[in-house]
Amino acid sequence: SEEIKAVKTTKTNVFQRSLKTFSDIFIPILPAIVG
């Protein structure tokens, strides 16, 4: 955990991270929705 905290943060803003979160949530359930 100490090493993780030492890693530099991703160079993305709040809006980009929000979009990435949407993607991470909905892409795994897409096969069921598409089917």
PDB file of all heavy atoms in Angstrom:
ATOM      1  N   SER A   1       0.827  -1.207   0.000  1.00  0.00           N
ATOM      2  CA  SER A   1       0.000   0.000   0.000  1.00  0.00           C
ATOM      3  C   SER A   1       0.860   1.256   0.000  1.00  0.00           C
ATOM      4  O   SER A   1       0.497   2.272  -0.576  1.00  0.00           O
ATOM      5  CB  SER A   1      -0.925   0.003   1.213  1.00  0.00           C
ATOM      6  OG  SER A   1      -0.173  -0.087   2.415  1.00  0.00           O
ATOM      7  N   GLU A   2       2.020   1.180   0.658  1.00  0.00           N
ATOM      8  CA  GLU A   2       2.911   2.332   0.688  1.00  0.00           C
ATOM      9  C   GLU A   2       3.451   2.625  -0.710  1.00  0.00           C
ATOM     10  O   GLU A   2       3.583   3.789  -1.114  1.00  0.00           O
ATOM     11  CB  GLU A   2       4.088   2.088   1.639  1.00  0.00           C
ATOM     12  CG  GLU A   2       3.709   2.082   3.111  1.00  0.00           C
ATOM     13  CD  GLU A   2       2.990   0.801   3.502  1.00  0.00           C
ATOM     14  OE1 GLU A   2       3.148  -0.213   2.788  1.00  0.00           O
ATOM     15  OE2 GLU A   2       2.256   0.826   4.506  1.00  0.00           O
ATOM     16  N   GLU A   3       3.780   1.549  -1.457  1.00  0.00           N
ATOM     17  CA  GLU A   3       4.283   1.745  -2.811  1.00  0.00           C
ATOM     18  C   GLU A   3       3.207   2.311  -3.727  1.00  0.00           C
ATOM     19  O   GLU A   3       3.473   3.145  -4.591  1.00  0.00           O
ATOM     20  CB  GLU A   3       4.802   0.419  -3.384  1.00  0.00           C
ATOM     21  CG  GLU A   3       6.076  -0.080  -2.726  1.00  0.00           C
ATOM     22  CD  GLU A   3       6.445  -1.467  -3.198  1.00  0.00           C
ATOM     23  OE1 GLU A   3       5.563  -2.328  -3.285  1.00  0.00           O
ATOM     24  OE2 GLU A   3       7.633  -1.685  -3.491  1.00  0.00           O
ATOM     25  N   ILE A   4       1.965   1.849  -3.519  1.00  0.00           N
ATOM     26  CA  ILE A   4       0.866   2.352  -4.326  1.00  0.00           C
ATOM     27  C   ILE A   4       0.691   3.846  -4.095  1.00  0.00           C
ATOM     28  O   ILE A   4       0.472   4.615  -5.024  1.00  0.00           O
ATOM     29  CB  ILE A   4      -0.440   1.602  -4.005  1.00  0.00           C
ATOM     30  CG1 ILE A   4      -0.334   0.158  -4.498  1.00  0.00           C
ATOM     31  CG2 ILE A   4      -1.637   2.293  -4.644  1.00  0.00           C
ATOM     32  CD1 ILE A   4      -1.531  -0.685  -4.147  1.00  0.00           C
ATOM     33  N   LYS A   5       0.777   4.280  -2.830  1.00  0.00           N
ATOM     34  CA  LYS A   5       0.635   5.701  -2.530  1.00  0.00           C
ATOM     35  C   LYS A   5       1.766   6.509  -3.150  1.00  0.00           C
ATOM     36  O   LYS A   5       1.598   7.684  -3.478  1.00  0.00           O
ATOM     37  CB  LYS A   5       0.636   5.911  -1.015  1.00  0.00           C
ATOM     38  CG  LYS A   5      -0.608   5.349  -0.325  1.00  0.00           C
ATOM     39  CD  LYS A   5      -0.523   5.530   1.173  1.00  0.00           C
ATOM     40  CE  LYS A   5      -1.739   4.912   1.870  1.00  0.00           C
ATOM     41  NZ  LYS A   5      -1.650   5.022   3.335  1.00  0.00           N
ATOM     42  N   ALA A   6       2.930   5.863  -3.312  1.00  0.00           N
ATOM     43  CA  ALA A   6       4.076   6.567  -3.866  1.00  0.00           C
ATOM     44  C   ALA A   6       3.999   6.704  -5.377  1.00  0.00           C
ATOM     45  O   ALA A   6       4.696   7.527  -5.970  1.00  0.00           O
ATOM     46  CB  ALA A   6       5.376   5.841  -3.490  1.00  0.00           C
ATOM     47  N   VAL A   7       3.175   5.881  -6.013  1.00  0.00           N
ATOM     48  CA  VAL A   7       3.056   5.936  -7.458  1.00  0.00           C
ATOM     49  C   VAL A   7       2.381   7.234  -7.851  1.00  0.00           C
ATOM     50  O   VAL A   7       1.391   7.638  -7.264  1.00  0.00           O
ATOM     51  CB  VAL A   7       2.225   4.743  -7.976  1.00  0.00           C
ATOM     52  CG1 VAL A   7       2.072   4.837  -9.493  1.00  0.00           C
ATOM     53  CG2 VAL A   7       2.906   3.441  -7.599  1.00  0.00           C
ATOM     54  N   LYS A   8       2.896   7.894  -8.882  1.00  0.00           N
ATOM     55  CA  LYS A   8       2.292   9.163  -9.278  1.00  0.00           C
ATOM     56  C   LYS A   8       0.889   8.937  -9.818  1.00  0.00           C
ATOM     57  O   LYS A   8       0.588   7.940 -10.441  1.00  0.00           O
ATOM     58  CB  LYS A   8       3.143   9.846 -10.347  1.00  0.00           C
ATOM     59  CG  LYS A   8       3.305   9.042 -11.620  1.00  0.00           C
ATOM     60  CD  LYS A   8       4.212   9.782 -12.571  1.00  0.00           C
ATOM     61  CE  LYS A   8       4.408   9.006 -13.872  1.00  0.00           C
ATOM     62  NZ  LYS A   8       5.309   9.687 -14.786  1.00  0.00           N
ATOM     63  N   THR A   9       0.015   9.867  -9.538  1.00  0.00           N
ATOM     64  CA  THR A   9      -1.379   9.723  -9.913  1.00  0.00           C
ATOM     65  C   THR A   9      -1.550   9.864 -11.421  1.00  0.00           C
ATOM     66  O   THR A   9      -0.757  10.518 -12.097  1.00  0.00           O
ATOM     67  CB  THR A   9      -2.221  10.805  -9.213  1.00  0.00           C
ATOM     68  OG1 THR A   9      -1.687  12.090  -9.553  1.00  0.00           O
ATOM     69  CG2 THR A   9      -2.183  10.622  -7.712  1.00  0.00           C
ATOM     70  N   THR A  10      -2.593   9.265 -11.940  1.00  0.00           N
ATOM     71  CA  THR A  10      -2.885   9.325 -13.356  1.00  0.00           C
ATOM     72  C   THR A  10      -3.193  10.756 -13.787  1.00  0.00           C
ATOM     73  O   THR A  10      -3.915  11.465 -13.105  1.00  0.00           O
ATOM     74  CB  THR A  10      -4.095   8.432 -13.677  1.00  0.00           C
ATOM     75  OG1 THR A  10      -3.804   7.110 -13.253  1.00  0.00           O
ATOM     76  CG2 THR A  10      -4.394   8.435 -15.161  1.00  0.00           C
ATOM     77  N   LYS A  11      -2.655  11.150 -14.929  1.00  0.00           N
ATOM     78  CA  LYS A  11      -2.824  12.519 -15.402  1.00  0.00           C
ATOM     79  C   LYS A  11      -4.168  12.674 -16.110  1.00  0.00           C
ATOM     80  O   LYS A  11      -4.236  12.888 -17.314  1.00  0.00           O
ATOM     81  CB  LYS A  11      -1.668  12.888 -16.328  1.00  0.00           C
ATOM     82  CG  LYS A  11      -0.309  12.857 -15.645  1.00  0.00           C
ATOM     83  CD  LYS A  11       0.805  13.153 -16.626  1.00  0.00           C
ATOM     84  CE  LYS A  11       2.169  13.083 -15.953  1.00  0.00           C
ATOM     85  NZ  LYS A  11       3.276  13.319 -16.892  1.00  0.00           N
ATOM     86  N   THR A  12      -5.227  12.537 -15.354  1.00  0.00           N
ATOM     87  CA  THR A  12      -6.565  12.728 -15.897  1.00  0.00           C
ATOM     88  C   THR A  12      -7.364  13.592 -14.943  1.00  0.00           C
ATOM     89  O   THR A  12      -7.119  13.596 -13.732  1.00  0.00           O
ATOM     90  CB  THR A  12      -7.293  11.381 -16.083  1.00  0.00           C
ATOM     91  OG1 THR A  12      -7.300  10.674 -14.837  1.00  0.00           O
ATOM     92  CG2 THR A  12      -6.605  10.532 -17.129  1.00  0.00           C
ATOM     93  N   ASN A  13      -8.320  14.334 -15.495  1.00  0.00           N
ATOM     94  CA  ASN A  13      -9.138  15.179 -14.648  1.00  0.00           C
ATOM     95  C   ASN A  13     -10.343  14.409 -14.124  1.00  0.00           C
ATOM     96  O   ASN A  13     -10.556  13.250 -14.461  1.00  0.00           O
ATOM     97  CB  ASN A  13      -9.573  16.440 -15.411  1.00  0.00           C
ATOM     98  CG  ASN A  13     -10.288  16.104 -16.709  1.00  0.00           C
ATOM     99  OD1 ASN A  13     -11.100  15.171 -16.746  1.00  0.00           O
ATOM    100  ND2 ASN A  13      -9.980  16.834 -17.767  1.00  0.00           N
ATOM    101  N   VAL A  14     -11.143  15.091 -13.305  1.00  0.00           N
ATOM    102  CA  VAL A  14     -12.292  14.439 -12.671  1.00  0.00           C
ATOM    103  C   VAL A  14     -13.277  13.947 -13.726  1.00  0.00           C
ATOM    104  O   VAL A  14     -13.834  12.849 -13.610  1.00  0.00           O
ATOM    105  CB  VAL A  14     -12.985  15.414 -11.699  1.00  0.00           C
ATOM    106  CG1 VAL A  14     -14.257  14.798 -11.142  1.00  0.00           C
ATOM    107  CG2 VAL A  14     -12.039  15.803 -10.567  1.00  0.00           C
ATOM    108  N   PHE A  15     -13.493  14.739 -14.761  1.00  0.00           N
ATOM    109  CA  PHE A  15     -14.446  14.361 -15.806  1.00  0.00           C
ATOM    110  C   PHE A  15     -13.991  13.101 -16.528  1.00  0.00           C
ATOM    111  O   PHE A  15     -14.798  12.182 -16.777  1.00  0.00           O
ATOM    112  CB  PHE A  15     -14.606  15.513 -16.794  1.00  0.00           C
ATOM    113  CG  PHE A  15     -15.614  15.252 -17.868  1.00  0.00           C
ATOM    114  CD1 PHE A  15     -16.959  15.121 -17.554  1.00  0.00           C
ATOM    115  CD2 PHE A  15     -15.217  15.138 -19.183  1.00  0.00           C
ATOM    116  CE1 PHE A  15     -17.902  14.883 -18.543  1.00  0.00           C
ATOM    117  CE2 PHE A  15     -16.152  14.903 -20.177  1.00  0.00           C
ATOM    118  CZ  PHE A  15     -17.492  14.777 -19.856  1.00  0.00           C
ATOM    119  N   GLN A  16     -12.704  13.017 -16.864  1.00  0.00           N
ATOM    120  CA  GLN A  16     -12.174  11.832 -17.539  1.00  0.00           C
ATOM    121  C   GLN A  16     -12.273  10.597 -16.654  1.00  0.00           C
ATOM    122  O   GLN A  16     -12.604   9.508 -17.118  1.00  0.00           O
ATOM    123  CB  GLN A  16     -10.718  12.077 -17.958  1.00  0.00           C
ATOM    124  CG  GLN A  16     -10.556  13.073 -19.082  1.00  0.00           C
ATOM    125  CD  GLN A  16      -9.101  13.406 -19.345  1.00  0.00           C
ATOM    126  OE1 GLN A  16      -8.318  13.614 -18.418  1.00  0.00           O
ATOM    127  NE2 GLN A  16      -8.721  13.467 -20.611  1.00  0.00           N
ATOM    128  N   ARG A  17     -11.984  10.770 -15.362  1.00  0.00           N
ATOM    129  CA  ARG A  17     -12.083   9.635 -14.450  1.00  0.00           C
ATOM    130  C   ARG A  17     -13.532   9.179 -14.297  1.00  0.00           C
ATOM    131  O   ARG A  17     -13.805   7.984 -14.146  1.00  0.00           O
ATOM    132  CB  ARG A  17     -11.484  10.005 -13.084  1.00  0.00           C
ATOM    133  CG  ARG A  17      -9.969  10.149 -13.112  1.00  0.00           C
ATOM    134  CD  ARG A  17      -9.385  10.131 -11.707  1.00  0.00           C
ATOM    135  NE  ARG A  17      -9.807  11.283 -10.929  1.00  0.00           N
ATOM    136  CZ  ARG A  17      -9.180  12.455 -10.908  1.00  0.00           C
ATOM    137  NH1 ARG A  17      -8.094  12.629 -11.635  1.00  0.00           N
ATOM    138  NH2 ARG A  17      -9.620  13.454 -10.162  1.00  0.00           N
ATOM    139  N   SER A  18     -14.467  10.132 -14.338  1.00  0.00           N
ATOM    140  CA  SER A  18     -15.885   9.776 -14.246  1.00  0.00           C
ATOM    141  C   SER A  18     -16.316   8.957 -15.453  1.00  0.00           C
ATOM    142  O   SER A  18     -17.027   7.954 -15.317  1.00  0.00           O
ATOM    143  CB  SER A  18     -16.744  11.044 -14.140  1.00  0.00           C
ATOM    144  OG  SER A  18     -16.411  11.783 -12.988  1.00  0.00           O
ATOM    145  N   LEU A  19     -15.873   9.368 -16.638  1.00  0.00           N
ATOM    146  CA  LEU A  19     -16.195   8.620 -17.848  1.00  0.00           C
ATOM    147  C   LEU A  19     -15.589   7.227 -17.805  1.00  0.00           C
ATOM    148  O   LEU A  19     -16.203   6.244 -18.224  1.00  0.00           O
ATOM    149  CB  LEU A  19     -15.700   9.374 -19.085  1.00  0.00           C
ATOM    150  CG  LEU A  19     -16.411  10.680 -19.421  1.00  0.00           C
ATOM    151  CD1 LEU A  19     -15.762  11.334 -20.632  1.00  0.00           C
ATOM    152  CD2 LEU A  19     -17.891  10.440 -19.684  1.00  0.00           C
ATOM    153  N   LYS A  20     -14.356   7.137 -17.286  1.00  0.00           N
ATOM    154  CA  LYS A  20     -13.705   5.828 -17.174  1.00  0.00           C
ATOM    155  C   LYS A  20     -14.478   4.929 -16.214  1.00  0.00           C
ATOM    156  O   LYS A  20     -14.622   3.719 -16.447  1.00  0.00           O
ATOM    157  CB  LYS A  20     -12.272   6.017 -16.675  1.00  0.00           C
ATOM    158  CG  LYS A  20     -11.470   4.722 -16.553  1.00  0.00           C
ATOM    159  CD  LYS A  20     -11.266   4.093 -17.916  1.00  0.00           C
ATOM    160  CE  LYS A  20     -10.288   2.934 -17.862  1.00  0.00           C
ATOM    161  NZ  LYS A  20     -10.679   1.854 -16.975  1.00  0.00           N
ATOM    162  N   THR A  21     -15.002   5.516 -15.137  1.00  0.00           N
ATOM    163  CA  THR A  21     -15.798   4.742 -14.191  1.00  0.00           C
ATOM    164  C   THR A  21     -17.065   4.206 -14.846  1.00  0.00           C
ATOM    165  O   THR A  21     -17.428   3.040 -14.670  1.00  0.00           O
ATOM    166  CB  THR A  21     -16.166   5.605 -12.969  1.00  0.00           C
ATOM    167  OG1 THR A  21     -14.965   6.056 -12.319  1.00  0.00           O
ATOM    168  CG2 THR A  21     -16.993   4.805 -11.972  1.00  0.00           C
ATOM    169  N   PHE A  22     -17.738   5.056 -15.627  1.00  0.00           N
ATOM    170  CA  PHE A  22     -18.916   4.610 -16.374  1.00  0.00           C
ATOM    171  C   PHE A  22     -18.556   3.433 -17.270  1.00  0.00           C
ATOM    172  O   PHE A  22     -19.291   2.443 -17.348  1.00  0.00           O
ATOM    173  CB  PHE A  22     -19.466   5.761 -17.228  1.00  0.00           C
ATOM    174  CG  PHE A  22     -20.565   6.524 -16.560  1.00  0.00           C
ATOM    175  CD1 PHE A  22     -20.288   7.654 -15.799  1.00  0.00           C
ATOM    176  CD2 PHE A  22     -21.880   6.132 -16.686  1.00  0.00           C
ATOM    177  CE1 PHE A  22     -21.296   8.369 -15.186  1.00  0.00           C
ATOM    178  CE2 PHE A  22     -22.906   6.834 -16.074  1.00  0.00           C
ATOM    179  CZ  PHE A  22     -22.606   7.958 -15.317  1.00  0.00           C
ATOM    180  N   SER A  23     -17.441   3.568 -17.951  1.00  0.00           N
ATOM    181  CA  SER A  23     -17.005   2.494 -18.850  1.00  0.00           C
ATOM    182  C   SER A  23     -16.747   1.206 -18.091  1.00  0.00           C
ATOM    183  O   SER A  23     -17.190   0.123 -18.501  1.00  0.00           O
ATOM    184  CB  SER A  23     -15.733   2.931 -19.586  1.00  0.00           C
ATOM    185  OG  SER A  23     -15.187   1.869 -20.334  1.00  0.00           O
ATOM    186  N   ASP A  24     -16.050   1.296 -16.968  1.00  0.00           N
ATOM    187  CA  ASP A  24     -15.718   0.108 -16.181  1.00  0.00           C
ATOM    188  C   ASP A  24     -16.958  -0.581 -15.624  1.00  0.00           C
ATOM    189  O   ASP A  24     -16.964  -1.797 -15.426  1.00  0.00           O
ATOM    190  CB  ASP A  24     -14.786   0.488 -15.020  1.00  0.00           C
ATOM    191  CG  ASP A  24     -13.409   0.921 -15.497  1.00  0.00           C
ATOM    192  OD1 ASP A  24     -13.064   0.605 -16.649  1.00  0.00           O
ATOM    193  OD2 ASP A  24     -12.690   1.590 -14.732  1.00  0.00           O
ATOM    194  N   ILE A  25     -18.005   0.198 -15.363  1.00  0.00           N
ATOM    195  CA  ILE A  25     -19.228  -0.378 -14.801  1.00  0.00           C
ATOM    196  C   ILE A  25     -20.083  -1.043 -15.863  1.00  0.00           C
ATOM    197  O   ILE A  25     -20.563  -2.176 -15.681  1.00  0.00           O
ATOM    198  CB  ILE A  25     -20.043   0.709 -14.076  1.00  0.00           C
ATOM    199  CG1 ILE A  25     -19.335   1.127 -12.783  1.00  0.00           C
ATOM    200  CG2 ILE A  25     -21.459   0.206 -13.750  1.00  0.00           C
ATOM    201  CD1 ILE A  25     -19.954   2.320 -12.094  1.00  0.00           C
ATOM    202  N   PHE A  26     -20.260  -0.383 -17.003  1.00  0.00           N
ATOM    203  CA  PHE A  26     -21.246  -0.853 -17.969  1.00  0.00           C
ATOM    204  C   PHE A  26     -20.700  -1.826 -19.009  1.00  0.00           C
ATOM    205  O   PHE A  26     -21.462  -2.644 -19.532  1.00  0.00           O
ATOM    206  CB  PHE A  26     -21.905   0.338 -18.656  1.00  0.00           C
ATOM    207  CG  PHE A  26     -22.851   1.078 -17.755  1.00  0.00           C
ATOM    208  CD1 PHE A  26     -22.478   2.265 -17.159  1.00  0.00           C
ATOM    209  CD2 PHE A  26     -24.102   0.563 -17.473  1.00  0.00           C
ATOM    210  CE1 PHE A  26     -23.338   2.948 -16.311  1.00  0.00           C
ATOM    211  CE2 PHE A  26     -24.973   1.222 -16.623  1.00  0.00           C
ATOM    212  CZ  PHE A  26     -24.591   2.418 -16.036  1.00  0.00           C
ATOM    213  N   ILE A  27     -19.408  -1.757 -19.305  1.00  0.00           N
ATOM    214  CA  ILE A  27     -18.869  -2.687 -20.301  1.00  0.00           C
ATOM    215  C   ILE A  27     -18.990  -4.149 -19.861  1.00  0.00           C
ATOM    216  O   ILE A  27     -19.338  -5.010 -20.673  1.00  0.00           O
ATOM    217  CB  ILE A  27     -17.410  -2.314 -20.643  1.00  0.00           C
ATOM    218  CG1 ILE A  27     -17.407  -1.073 -21.534  1.00  0.00           C
ATOM    219  CG2 ILE A  27     -16.695  -3.463 -21.347  1.00  0.00           C
ATOM    220  CD1 ILE A  27     -16.045  -0.592 -21.934  1.00  0.00           C
ATOM    221  N   PRO A  28     -18.752  -4.505 -18.586  1.00  0.00           N
ATOM    222  CA  PRO A  28     -18.908  -5.918 -18.199  1.00  0.00           C
ATOM    223  C   PRO A  28     -20.318  -6.465 -18.366  1.00  0.00           C
ATOM    224  O   PRO A  28     -20.490  -7.673 -18.540  1.00  0.00           O
ATOM    225  CB  PRO A  28     -18.499  -5.918 -16.713  1.00  0.00           C
ATOM    226  CG  PRO A  28     -17.583  -4.757 -16.567  1.00  0.00           C
ATOM    227  CD  PRO A  28     -18.150  -3.715 -17.487  1.00  0.00           C
ATOM    228  N   ILE A  29     -21.347  -5.599 -18.322  1.00  0.00           N
ATOM    229  CA  ILE A  29     -22.712  -6.107 -18.442  1.00  0.00           C
ATOM    230  C   ILE A  29     -23.241  -5.989 -19.873  1.00  0.00           C
ATOM    231  O   ILE A  29     -24.378  -6.389 -20.148  1.00  0.00           O
ATOM    232  CB  ILE A  29     -23.675  -5.390 -17.469  1.00  0.00           C
ATOM    233  CG1 ILE A  29     -23.840  -3.918 -17.839  1.00  0.00           C
ATOM    234  CG2 ILE A  29     -23.183  -5.536 -16.039  1.00  0.00           C
ATOM    235  CD1 ILE A  29     -24.853  -3.193 -16.964  1.00  0.00           C
ATOM    236  N   LEU A  30     -22.412  -5.464 -20.785  1.00  0.00           N
ATOM    237  CA  LEU A  30     -22.868  -5.303 -22.161  1.00  0.00           C
ATOM    238  C   LEU A  30     -23.245  -6.619 -22.845  1.00  0.00           C
ATOM    239  O   LEU A  30     -24.213  -6.646 -23.606  1.00  0.00           O
ATOM    240  CB  LEU A  30     -21.804  -4.578 -22.987  1.00  0.00           C
ATOM    241  CG  LEU A  30     -21.808  -3.052 -22.893  1.00  0.00           C
ATOM    242  CD1 LEU A  30     -20.739  -2.470 -23.795  1.00  0.00           C
ATOM    243  CD2 LEU A  30     -23.164  -2.483 -23.257  1.00  0.00           C
ATOM    244  N   PRO A  31     -22.497  -7.720 -22.636  1.00  0.00           N
ATOM    245  CA  PRO A  31     -22.912  -8.971 -23.297  1.00  0.00           C
ATOM    246  C   PRO A  31     -24.350  -9.362 -22.986  1.00  0.00           C
ATOM    247  O   PRO A  31     -25.086  -9.789 -23.883  1.00  0.00           O
ATOM    248  CB  PRO A  31     -21.919 -10.003 -22.739  1.00  0.00           C
ATOM    249  CG  PRO A  31     -20.702  -9.212 -22.426  1.00  0.00           C
ATOM    250  CD  PRO A  31     -21.209  -7.895 -21.930  1.00  0.00           C
ATOM    251  N   ALA A  32     -24.761  -9.187 -21.731  1.00  0.00           N
ATOM    252  CA  ALA A  32     -26.147  -9.506 -21.375  1.00  0.00           C
ATOM    253  C   ALA A  32     -27.115  -8.545 -22.036  1.00  0.00           C
ATOM    254  O   ALA A  32     -28.176  -8.951 -22.539  1.00  0.00           O
ATOM    255  CB  ALA A  32     -26.317  -9.459 -19.853  1.00  0.00           C
ATOM    256  N   ILE A  33     -26.772  -7.263 -22.068  1.00  0.00           N
ATOM    257  CA  ILE A  33     -27.658  -6.267 -22.659  1.00  0.00           C
ATOM    258  C   ILE A  33     -27.745  -6.451 -24.171  1.00  0.00           C
ATOM    259  O   ILE A  33     -28.824  -6.369 -24.764  1.00  0.00           O
ATOM    260  CB  ILE A  33     -27.163  -4.840 -22.327  1.00  0.00           C
ATOM    261  CG1 ILE A  33     -27.118  -4.648 -20.807  1.00  0.00           C
ATOM    262  CG2 ILE A  33     -28.059  -3.800 -22.969  1.00  0.00           C
ATOM    263  CD1 ILE A  33     -28.425  -4.872 -20.114  1.00  0.00           C
ATOM    264  N   VAL A  34     -26.599  -6.693 -24.808  1.00  0.00           N
ATOM    265  CA  VAL A  34     -26.599  -6.896 -26.264  1.00  0.00           C
ATOM    266  C   VAL A  34     -27.393  -8.148 -26.621  1.00  0.00           C
ATOM    267  O   VAL A  34     -28.203  -8.148 -27.558  1.00  0.00           O
ATOM    268  CB  VAL A  34     -25.156  -6.999 -26.791  1.00  0.00           C
ATOM    269  CG1 VAL A  34     -25.150  -7.443 -28.256  1.00  0.00           C
ATOM    270  CG2 VAL A  34     -24.442  -5.668 -26.643  1.00  0.00           C
ATOM    271  N   GLY A  35     -27.160  -9.225 -25.869  1.00  0.00           N
ATOM    272  CA  GLY A  35     -27.909 -10.456 -26.125  1.00  0.00           C
ATOM    273  C   GLY A  35     -29.400 -10.255 -25.968  1.00  0.00           C
ATOM    274  O   GLY A  35     -30.204 -10.703 -26.794  1.00  0.00           O
TER     275      GLY A  35
END
